[in-house]
Amino acid sequence: MAVTVVRDYHCKDVELLMASETICTSAQANLAFLVTKRANWADPFFPDMQARITLAYSEHLGIDNAQALRTATAVLKAVQIPAQKDIAEFQSPD
């Protein structure tokens, strides 16, 4: 049985999540001011929202946000070993 999803927004899901993530990041940067206006926005409100956004990326859209980070880390580690050997052999001119 297919589930019909009704959305109250007129954009793509990923666009809504990206906008929500941007707003959440900005809100965390301005948390002190926001809490003076609405006390229930104090921690852990925005970190919890960020976690729900990340979960929505992975569960509903199949997007793995950490994949790019893991790939970059692997590339860095692959370059790091030869670079450390080269740096060890490098001598600065006196």
Protein backbone atom coordinates (compact mmCIF):
# COMPACT_ATOMS: atom_id res chain seq x y z
CA MET A 1 0.00 0.00 0.00
CA ALA A 2 1.50 3.33 -1.07
CA VAL A 3 1.67 6.17 1.39
CA THR A 4 0.59 9.56 0.10
CA VAL A 5 2.65 12.42 1.48
CA VAL A 6 1.06 15.85 1.66
CA ARG A 7 3.50 18.74 1.88
CA ASP A 8 2.74 22.29 3.00
CA TYR A 9 5.66 23.79 1.07
CA HIS A 10 6.30 24.36 -2.60
CA CYS A 11 9.94 23.41 -2.97
CA LYS A 12 12.02 20.26 -3.04
CA ASP A 13 12.57 18.38 0.21
CA VAL A 14 16.33 18.86 0.06
CA GLU A 15 15.90 22.62 -0.44
CA LEU A 16 13.68 22.84 2.64
CA LEU A 17 16.17 20.84 4.71
CA MET A 18 19.08 23.00 3.53
CA ALA A 19 17.18 26.18 4.41
CA SER A 20 16.24 24.73 7.80
CA GLU A 21 19.85 23.76 8.44
CA THR A 22 21.05 27.26 7.57
CA ILE A 23 18.48 28.83 9.88
CA CYS A 24 19.40 26.41 12.67
CA THR A 25 23.12 27.20 12.33
CA SER A 26 22.44 30.93 12.41
CA ALA A 27 20.16 30.54 15.40
CA GLN A 28 22.85 28.65 17.31
CA ALA A 29 25.29 31.48 16.60
CA ASN A 30 22.79 34.00 18.01
CA LEU A 31 21.44 31.83 20.80
CA ALA A 32 21.96 34.34 23.63
CA PHE A 33 19.72 36.91 21.95
CA LEU A 34 17.09 34.39 20.86
CA VAL A 35 16.72 32.92 24.34
CA THR A 36 15.85 36.39 25.66
CA LYS A 37 12.91 36.46 23.24
CA ARG A 38 11.77 32.85 23.70
CA ALA A 39 13.06 30.85 26.65
CA ASN A 40 12.16 27.44 25.24
CA TRP A 41 14.77 27.95 22.48
CA ALA A 42 17.54 27.41 25.04
CA ASP A 43 19.80 24.39 24.67
CA PRO A 44 19.17 21.66 23.61
CA PHE A 45 16.45 23.01 21.25
CA PHE A 46 18.65 23.87 18.26
CA PRO A 47 21.10 20.95 18.62
CA ASP A 48 18.08 18.63 18.73
CA MET A 49 16.67 20.31 15.64
CA GLN A 50 20.01 19.88 13.87
CA ALA A 51 19.97 16.18 14.76
CA ARG A 52 16.45 15.81 13.35
CA ILE A 53 17.49 17.56 10.13
CA THR A 54 20.49 15.23 9.76
CA LEU A 55 18.24 12.24 10.39
CA ALA A 56 15.79 13.45 7.75
CA TYR A 57 18.62 13.75 5.22
CA SER A 58 19.69 10.17 5.76
CA GLU A 59 16.37 8.39 6.41
CA HIS A 60 14.04 10.17 4.02
CA LEU A 61 16.35 11.32 1.24
CA GLY A 62 19.11 8.74 1.47
CA ILE A 63 21.78 11.45 1.63
CA ASP A 64 24.82 10.70 3.76
CA ASN A 65 26.18 14.08 4.93
CA ALA A 66 29.23 12.49 6.50
CA GLN A 67 30.28 10.72 3.29
CA ALA A 68 32.15 13.77 1.98
CA LEU A 69 33.90 14.14 5.32
CA ARG A 70 34.95 10.48 5.37
CA THR A 71 36.23 10.75 1.79
CA ALA A 72 38.21 13.92 2.58
CA THR A 73 39.69 12.28 5.68
CA ALA A 74 40.80 9.24 3.67
CA VAL A 75 42.45 11.47 1.05
CA LEU A 76 44.18 13.47 3.77
CA LYS A 77 45.51 10.35 5.48
CA ALA A 78 46.78 8.99 2.15
CA VAL A 79 48.71 12.22 1.51
CA GLN A 80 49.85 12.67 5.10
CA ILE A 81 52.30 9.74 5.32
CA PRO A 82 54.41 10.66 2.25
CA ALA A 83 54.23 14.34 3.22
CA GLN A 84 55.57 13.62 6.71
CA LYS A 85 58.50 11.71 5.20
CA ASP A 86 59.24 14.61 2.85
CA ILE A 87 59.03 17.13 5.67
CA ALA A 88 61.38 15.04 7.81
CA GLU A 89 63.99 15.22 5.04
CA PHE A 90 63.50 18.94 4.49
CA GLN A 91 66.08 21.22 6.07
CA SER A 92 65.57 24.93 6.31
CA PRO A 93 68.45 27.14 5.12
CA ASP A 94 70.25 28.90 7.94
